[in-house]
PDB file of N, CA and C in Angstrom:
ATOM      1  N   MET A   1     321.601 156.550  12.663  1.00  0.00           N
ATOM      2  CA  MET A   1     322.340 156.502  11.753  1.00  0.00           C
ATOM      3  C   MET A   1     322.258 155.349  11.197  1.00  0.00           C
ATOM      4  N   THR A   2     321.734 155.426   9.479  1.00  0.00           N
ATOM      5  CA  THR A   2     322.050 154.506   8.824  1.00  0.00           C
ATOM      6  C   THR A   2     323.333 153.697   8.601  1.00  0.00           C
ATOM      7  N   ALA A   3     323.323 152.230   8.124  1.00  0.00           N
ATOM      8  CA  ALA A   3     324.380 151.482   7.339  1.00  0.00           C
ATOM      9  C   ALA A   3     325.146 152.023   6.907  1.00  0.00           C
ATOM     10  N   ILE A   4     324.454 152.947   5.646  1.00  0.00           N
ATOM     11  CA  ILE A   4     325.391 153.564   4.902  1.00  0.00           C
ATOM     12  C   ILE A   4     326.398 155.025   5.469  1.00  0.00           C
ATOM     13  N   GLU A   5     325.496 155.547   6.587  1.00  0.00           N
ATOM     14  CA  GLU A   5     326.470 156.471   7.161  1.00  0.00           C
ATOM     15  C   GLU A   5     327.489 156.131   7.970  1.00  0.00           C
ATOM     16  N   LEU A   6     327.118 154.986   8.936  1.00  0.00           N
ATOM     17  CA  LEU A   6     328.365 154.388   9.478  1.00  0.00           C
ATOM     18  C   LEU A   6     329.252 153.802   8.689  1.00  0.00           C
ATOM     19  N   LYS A   7     328.800 153.068   7.485  1.00  0.00           N
ATOM     20  CA  LYS A   7     330.141 152.885   7.165  1.00  0.00           C
ATOM     21  C   LYS A   7     331.263 153.716   6.522  1.00  0.00           C
ATOM     22  N   GLU A   8     330.307 154.902   5.713  1.00  0.00           N
ATOM     23  CA  GLU A   8     331.160 156.033   5.611  1.00  0.00           C
ATOM     24  C   GLU A   8     332.045 156.791   6.848  1.00  0.00           C
ATOM     25  N   LYS A   9     331.653 156.687   7.862  1.00  0.00           N
ATOM     26  CA  LYS A   9     332.353 156.995   9.057  1.00  0.00           C
ATOM     27  C   LYS A   9     333.316 156.058   9.227  1.00  0.00           C
ATOM     28  N   LEU A  10     333.384 154.820   9.319  1.00  0.00           N
ATOM     29  CA  LEU A  10     334.216 153.863  10.083  1.00  0.00           C
ATOM     30  C   LEU A  10     335.135 154.066   8.483  1.00  0.00           C
ATOM     31  N   ILE A  11     334.976 154.408   7.481  1.00  0.00           N
ATOM     32  CA  ILE A  11     335.858 154.194   6.010  1.00  0.00           C
ATOM     33  C   ILE A  11     336.672 155.698   6.383  1.00  0.00           C
ATOM     34  N   GLU A  12     336.124 156.578   6.833  1.00  0.00           N
ATOM     35  CA  GLU A  12     336.922 157.761   6.874  1.00  0.00           C
ATOM     36  C   GLU A  12     337.776 157.446   8.121  1.00  0.00           C
ATOM     37  N   LYS A  13     337.459 157.095   9.305  1.00  0.00           N
ATOM     38  CA  LYS A  13     338.183 157.196  10.357  1.00  0.00           C
ATOM     39  C   LYS A  13     339.305 155.716  10.311  1.00  0.00           C
ATOM     40  N   ILE A  14     339.092 154.997   9.050  1.00  0.00           N
ATOM     41  CA  ILE A  14     340.344 153.915   8.697  1.00  0.00           C
ATOM     42  C   ILE A  14     341.209 154.896   8.056  1.00  0.00           C
ATOM     43  N   ARG A  15     340.582 155.576   7.248  1.00  0.00           N
ATOM     44  CA  ARG A  15     341.844 156.371   6.134  1.00  0.00           C
ATOM     45  C   ARG A  15     342.447 157.157   6.912  1.00  0.00           C
ATOM     46  N   ASN A  16     342.099 157.518   8.162  1.00  0.00           N
ATOM     47  CA  ASN A  16     342.679 158.427   9.098  1.00  0.00           C
ATOM     48  C   ASN A  16     343.671 158.210   9.885  1.00  0.00           C
ATOM     49  N   THR A  17     343.980 156.663  10.139  1.00  0.00           N
ATOM     50  CA  THR A  17     344.920 156.200  11.538  1.00  0.00           C
ATOM     51  C   THR A  17     346.091 155.211  10.603  1.00  0.00           C
ATOM     52  N   ASP A  18     346.811 155.590  11.306  1.00  0.00           N
ATOM     53  CA  ASP A  18     347.924 154.531  11.093  1.00  0.00           C
ATOM     54  C   ASP A  18     348.468 153.362  11.880  1.00  0.00           C
ATOM     55  N   ASN A  19     347.555 153.304  12.755  1.00  0.00           N
ATOM     56  CA  ASN A  19     347.894 152.334  13.945  1.00  0.00           C
ATOM     57  C   ASN A  19     347.520 150.858  13.260  1.00  0.00           C
ATOM     58  N   ILE A  20     348.408 150.353  13.168  1.00  0.00           N
ATOM     59  CA  ILE A  20     348.945 149.003  12.445  1.00  0.00           C
ATOM     60  C   ILE A  20     347.949 147.888  13.561  1.00  0.00           C
ATOM     61  N   GLU A  21     348.132 148.139  14.964  1.00  0.00           N
ATOM     62  CA  GLU A  21     347.155 147.202  15.688  1.00  0.00           C
ATOM     63  C   GLU A  21     345.770 147.586  15.547  1.00  0.00           C
ATOM     64  N   LEU A  22     345.158 148.723  15.599  1.00  0.00           N
ATOM     65  CA  LEU A  22     343.878 148.879  15.442  1.00  0.00           C
ATOM     66  C   LEU A  22     343.396 148.119  14.086  1.00  0.00           C
ATOM     67  N   LEU A  23     344.291 148.760  13.109  1.00  0.00           N
ATOM     68  CA  LEU A  23     344.071 147.936  11.610  1.00  0.00           C
ATOM     69  C   LEU A  23     343.669 146.555  11.752  1.00  0.00           C
ATOM     70  N   ASP A  24     344.684 145.928  12.319  1.00  0.00           N
ATOM     71  CA  ASP A  24     344.853 144.395  12.488  1.00  0.00           C
ATOM     72  C   ASP A  24     343.556 143.979  12.910  1.00  0.00           C
ATOM     73  N   HIS A  25     343.619 144.450  14.308  1.00  0.00           N
ATOM     74  CA  HIS A  25     341.958 144.072  14.779  1.00  0.00           C
ATOM     75  C   HIS A  25     340.415 144.345  13.906  1.00  0.00           C
ATOM     76  N   LEU A  26     340.819 145.408  13.349  1.00  0.00           N
ATOM     77  CA  LEU A  26     339.238 145.692  12.634  1.00  0.00           C
ATOM     78  C   LEU A  26     339.187 144.658  11.612  1.00  0.00           C
ATOM     79  N   SER A  27     340.310 144.235  10.842  1.00  0.00           N
ATOM     80  CA  SER A  27     340.609 143.092   9.917  1.00  0.00           C
ATOM     81  C   SER A  27     340.211 141.869  10.578  1.00  0.00           C
ATOM     82  N   ASP A  28     340.469 141.841  11.884  1.00  0.00           N
ATOM     83  CA  ASP A  28     340.361 140.258  12.360  1.00  0.00           C
ATOM     84  C   ASP A  28     339.031 140.200  12.569  1.00  0.00           C
ATOM     85  N   VAL A  29     338.216 141.310  13.213  1.00  0.00           N
ATOM     86  CA  VAL A  29     337.149 141.082  13.398  1.00  0.00           C
ATOM     87  C   VAL A  29     336.441 140.937  12.082  1.00  0.00           C
ATOM     88  N   ILE A  30     336.463 141.899  11.314  1.00  0.00           N
ATOM     89  CA  ILE A  30     335.640 141.626   9.803  1.00  0.00           C
ATOM     90  C   ILE A  30     335.900 140.405   9.162  1.00  0.00           C
ATOM     91  N   GLU A  31     336.932 139.755   9.366  1.00  0.00           N
ATOM     92  CA  GLU A  31     337.089 138.171   8.718  1.00  0.00           C
ATOM     93  C   GLU A  31     336.437 137.357   9.558  1.00  0.00           C
ATOM     94  N   PHE A  32     336.382 137.562  10.742  1.00  0.00           N
ATOM     95  CA  PHE A  32     335.255 136.346  11.868  1.00  0.00           C
ATOM     96  C   PHE A  32     334.073 136.709  11.286  1.00  0.00           C
ATOM     97  N   GLU A  33     333.679 137.965  11.403  1.00  0.00           N
ATOM     98  CA  GLU A  33     332.628 137.921  10.698  1.00  0.00           C
ATOM     99  C   GLU A  33     331.773 137.420   9.636  1.00  0.00           C
ATOM    100  N   SER A  34     332.830 137.732   8.534  1.00  0.00           N
ATOM    101  CA  SER A  34     332.472 137.105   7.207  1.00  0.00           C
ATOM    102  C   SER A  34     332.595 135.627   7.024  1.00  0.00           C
ATOM    103  N   ASN A  35     333.164 134.931   8.253  1.00  0.00           N
ATOM    104  CA  ASN A  35     333.315 133.691   8.317  1.00  0.00           C
ATOM    105  C   ASN A  35     332.256 132.450   9.187  1.00  0.00           C
ATOM    106  N   ILE A  36     331.062 133.584   9.313  1.00  0.00           N
ATOM    107  CA  ILE A  36     330.349 133.169  10.569  1.00  0.00           C
ATOM    108  C   ILE A  36     329.607 131.942   9.509  1.00  0.00           C
ATOM    109  N   GLY A  37     329.036 130.665   9.761  1.00  0.00           N
ATOM    110  CA  GLY A  37     328.616 129.957   8.928  1.00  0.00           C
ATOM    111  C   GLY A  37     329.250 129.049   8.509  1.00  0.00           C
ATOM    112  N   GLU A  38     330.327 129.136   8.143  1.00  0.00           N
ATOM    113  CA  GLU A  38     331.713 128.323   7.561  1.00  0.00           C
ATOM    114  C   GLU A  38     332.110 127.405   8.245  1.00  0.00           C
ATOM    115  N   VAL A  39     331.722 126.317   7.719  1.00  0.00           N
ATOM    116  CA  VAL A  39     332.840 124.833   8.774  1.00  0.00           C
ATOM    117  C   VAL A  39     333.965 124.798   8.512  1.00  0.00           C
ATOM    118  N   HIS A  40     334.586 124.781   9.724  1.00  0.00           N
ATOM    119  CA  HIS A  40     336.131 124.796   9.701  1.00  0.00           C
ATOM    120  C   HIS A  40     336.085 123.174   9.639  1.00  0.00           C
ATOM    121  N   VAL A  41     337.294 122.919   8.511  1.00  0.00           N
ATOM    122  CA  VAL A  41     337.715 121.675   8.468  1.00  0.00           C
ATOM    123  C   VAL A  41     339.219 121.576   9.278  1.00  0.00           C
ATOM    124  N   MET A  42     339.003 120.717  10.274  1.00  0.00           N
ATOM    125  CA  MET A  42     340.569 120.759  11.039  1.00  0.00           C
ATOM    126  C   MET A  42     341.441 119.974  10.331  1.00  0.00           C
ATOM    127  N   SER A  43     342.641 120.353  10.668  1.00  0.00           N
ATOM    128  CA  SER A  43     343.949 120.157   9.864  1.00  0.00           C
ATOM    129  C   SER A  43     344.382 118.807  10.997  1.00  0.00           C
ATOM    130  N   PRO A  44     344.930 117.632  10.222  1.00  0.00           N
ATOM    131  CA  PRO A  44     345.164 116.268  10.800  1.00  0.00           C
ATOM    132  C   PRO A  44     346.112 116.888  12.246  1.00  0.00           C
ATOM    133  N   GLY A  45     347.030 117.892  12.630  1.00  0.00           N
ATOM    134  CA  GLY A  45     347.437 118.399  13.733  1.00  0.00           C
ATOM    135  C   GLY A  45     346.708 118.738  14.683  1.00  0.00           C
ATOM    136  N   GLU A  46     345.430 119.420  14.438  1.00  0.00           N
ATOM    137  CA  GLU A  46     344.223 119.949  15.221  1.00  0.00           C
ATOM    138  C   GLU A  46     343.384 118.491  15.637  1.00  0.00           C
ATOM    139  N   ILE A  47     343.079 117.672  14.829  1.00  0.00           N
ATOM    140  CA  ILE A  47     342.455 116.555  15.013  1.00  0.00           C
ATOM    141  C   ILE A  47     343.509 115.491  16.281  1.00  0.00           C
ATOM    142  N   GLU A  48     344.368 115.567  15.975  1.00  0.00           N
ATOM    143  CA  GLU A  48     345.289 114.830  16.705  1.00  0.00           C
ATOM    144  C   GLU A  48     345.799 115.759  17.994  1.00  0.00           C
ATOM    145  N   ALA A  49     345.380 117.081  18.225  1.00  0.00           N
ATOM    146  CA  ALA A  49     345.641 117.465  19.610  1.00  0.00           C
ATOM    147  C   ALA A  49     344.187 117.126  20.300  1.00  0.00           C
ATOM    148  N   VAL A  50     342.987 117.301  19.386  1.00  0.00           N
ATOM    149  CA  VAL A  50     341.758 116.969  20.169  1.00  0.00           C
ATOM    150  C   VAL A  50     341.402 115.857  20.639  1.00  0.00           C
ATOM    151  N   ASN A  51     342.333 114.725  19.828  1.00  0.00           N
ATOM    152  CA  ASN A  51     342.470 113.293  20.180  1.00  0.00           C
ATOM    153  C   ASN A  51     343.358 112.736  21.571  1.00  0.00           C
ATOM    154  N   ASP A  52     344.121 113.910  21.364  1.00  0.00           N
ATOM    155  CA  ASP A  52     345.378 113.247  22.846  1.00  0.00           C
ATOM    156  C   ASP A  52     344.621 114.240  24.216  1.00  0.00           C
ATOM    157  N   GLY A  53     344.011 115.025  23.758  1.00  0.00           N
ATOM    158  CA  GLY A  53     343.044 115.888  25.088  1.00  0.00           C
ATOM    159  C   GLY A  53     342.208 114.809  25.627  1.00  0.00           C
ATOM    160  N   LEU A  54     341.214 114.400  24.864  1.00  0.00           N
ATOM    161  CA  LEU A  54     340.168 113.264  24.879  1.00  0.00           C
ATOM    162  C   LEU A  54     340.795 112.121  25.672  1.00  0.00           C
ATOM    163  N   GLU A  55     341.934 111.905  25.320  1.00  0.00           N
ATOM    164  CA  GLU A  55     342.860 110.616  25.891  1.00  0.00           C
ATOM    165  C   GLU A  55     343.379 110.588  27.136  1.00  0.00           C
ATOM    166  N   GLN A  56     343.941 112.419  27.291  1.00  0.00           N
ATOM    167  CA  GLN A  56     344.263 112.441  28.501  1.00  0.00           C
ATOM    168  C   GLN A  56     342.649 112.711  29.825  1.00  0.00           C
ATOM    169  N   ILE A  57     341.766 113.345  29.200  1.00  0.00           N
ATOM    170  CA  ILE A  57     340.566 113.429  30.124  1.00  0.00           C
ATOM    171  C   ILE A  57     340.092 111.762  30.709  1.00  0.00           C
ATOM    172  N   LYS A  58     340.210 110.872  29.755  1.00  0.00           N
ATOM    173  CA  LYS A  58     340.205 109.264  29.837  1.00  0.00           C
ATOM    174  C   LYS A  58     340.736 109.084  31.241  1.00  0.00           C
ATOM    175  N   ASN A  59     342.117 109.186  30.761  1.00  0.00           N
ATOM    176  CA  ASN A  59     343.019 108.777  31.964  1.00  0.00           C
ATOM    177  C   ASN A  59     343.312 109.872  32.967  1.00  0.00           C
ATOM    178  N   GLY A  60     342.084 110.288  33.314  1.00  0.00           N
ATOM    179  CA  GLY A  60     342.211 111.295  34.426  1.00  0.00           C
ATOM    180  C   GLY A  60     343.575 112.177  34.699  1.00  0.00           C
ATOM    181  N   GLN A  61     343.896 112.575  33.802  1.00  0.00           N
ATOM    182  CA  GLN A  61     345.062 113.859  33.548  1.00  0.00           C
ATOM    183  C   GLN A  61     344.417 115.209  33.273  1.00  0.00           C
ATOM    184  N   TRP A  62     343.806 115.696  34.128  1.00  0.00           N
ATOM    185  CA  TRP A  62     343.309 117.024  33.971  1.00  0.00           C
ATOM    186  C   TRP A  62     343.180 117.801  35.492  1.00  0.00           C
ATOM    187  N   ILE A  63     342.943 118.725  35.610  1.00  0.00           N
ATOM    188  CA  ILE A  63     342.677 119.689  36.666  1.00  0.00           C
ATOM    189  C   ILE A  63     341.496 120.969  36.310  1.00  0.00           C
ATOM    190  N   SER A  64     340.845 120.908  37.417  1.00  0.00           N
ATOM    191  CA  SER A  64     339.654 121.818  37.649  1.00  0.00           C
ATOM    192  C   SER A  64     340.343 123.195  36.870  1.00  0.00           C
ATOM    193  N   HIS A  65     339.189 124.207  36.530  1.00  0.00           N
ATOM    194  CA  HIS A  65     339.805 125.357  36.549  1.00  0.00           C
ATOM    195  C   HIS A  65     340.210 125.979  37.778  1.00  0.00           C
ATOM    196  N   GLU A  66     339.388 125.925  38.516  1.00  0.00           N
ATOM    197  CA  GLU A  66     339.799 126.744  40.292  1.00  0.00           C
ATOM    198  C   GLU A  66     341.014 126.282  40.520  1.00  0.00           C
ATOM    199  N   GLU A  67     341.601 125.046  40.579  1.00  0.00           N
ATOM    200  CA  GLU A  67     342.794 124.489  40.848  1.00  0.00           C
ATOM    201  C   GLU A  67     343.982 125.131  39.791  1.00  0.00           C
ATOM    202  N   VAL A  68     343.831 125.559  38.318  1.00  0.00           N
ATOM    203  CA  VAL A  68     344.403 126.228  37.678  1.00  0.00           C
ATOM    204  C   VAL A  68     344.480 127.392  38.193  1.00  0.00           C
ATOM    205  N   ASN A  69     343.396 128.648  38.567  1.00  0.00           N
ATOM    206  CA  ASN A  69     343.649 129.647  39.154  1.00  0.00           C
ATOM    207  C   ASN A  69     344.250 130.038  40.399  1.00  0.00           C
ATOM    208  N   ARG A  70     344.293 128.345  41.622  1.00  0.00           N
ATOM    209  CA  ARG A  70     344.857 128.595  42.532  1.00  0.00           C
ATOM    210  C   ARG A  70     346.742 128.243  42.167  1.00  0.00           C
ATOM    211  N   GLU A  71     347.060 127.404  41.628  1.00  0.00           N
ATOM    212  CA  GLU A  71     348.640 127.219  40.754  1.00  0.00           C
ATOM    213  C   GLU A  71     349.182 128.529  40.218  1.00  0.00           C
ATOM    214  N   ILE A  72     348.208 129.031  39.320  1.00  0.00           N
ATOM    215  CA  ILE A  72     349.014 130.613  39.202  1.00  0.00           C
ATOM    216  C   ILE A  72     348.310 131.558  39.801  1.00  0.00           C
ATOM    217  N   ASP A  73     347.937 131.905  40.863  1.00  0.00           N
ATOM    218  CA  ASP A  73     348.033 132.763  42.227  1.00  0.00           C
ATOM    219  C   ASP A  73     349.261 132.704  42.557  1.00  0.00           C
ATOM    220  N   GLU A  74     349.239 131.392  43.283  1.00  0.00           N
ATOM    221  CA  GLU A  74     350.783 130.549  43.698  1.00  0.00           C
ATOM    222  C   GLU A  74     351.900 131.137  43.368  1.00  0.00           C
ATOM    223  N   TRP A  75     352.108 130.772  41.579  1.00  0.00           N
ATOM    224  CA  TRP A  75     353.030 131.460  40.864  1.00  0.00           C
ATOM    225  C   TRP A  75     353.540 132.607  41.034  1.00  0.00           C
ATOM    226  N   LEU A  76     352.329 133.454  40.859  1.00  0.00           N
ATOM    227  CA  LEU A  76     352.617 135.101  40.662  1.00  0.00           C
ATOM    228  C   LEU A  76     352.926 135.570  42.196  1.00  0.00           C
ATOM    229  N   LYS A  77     352.740 134.750  43.601  1.00  0.00           N
ATOM    230  CA  LYS A  77     353.165 135.306  44.669  1.00  0.00           C
ATOM    231  C   LYS A  77     354.817 135.303  44.821  1.00  0.00           C
ATOM    232  N   LYS A  78     355.479 134.203  43.802  1.00  0.00           N
ATOM    233  CA  LYS A  78     357.177 134.148  44.083  1.00  0.00           C
ATOM    234  C   LYS A  78     357.619 134.903  43.155  1.00  0.00           C
TER     235      LYS A  78
END
């Protein structure tokens, strides 16, 4: 199937659906793909959150992925 044929097939399927969740997902995927290669400029809040996280790591305030999974398992058993 050529790119043109695939585009036409997808366009027809999009026209025939009223599924908002599907349309939102397709929109997100297309938006994500169109932004590949662009540099994301972090907001001051994002920079602050990253710096807070780095400070927590320096202070030993972290737990492993395995420990998080154990805690979740324990919580789900309750």
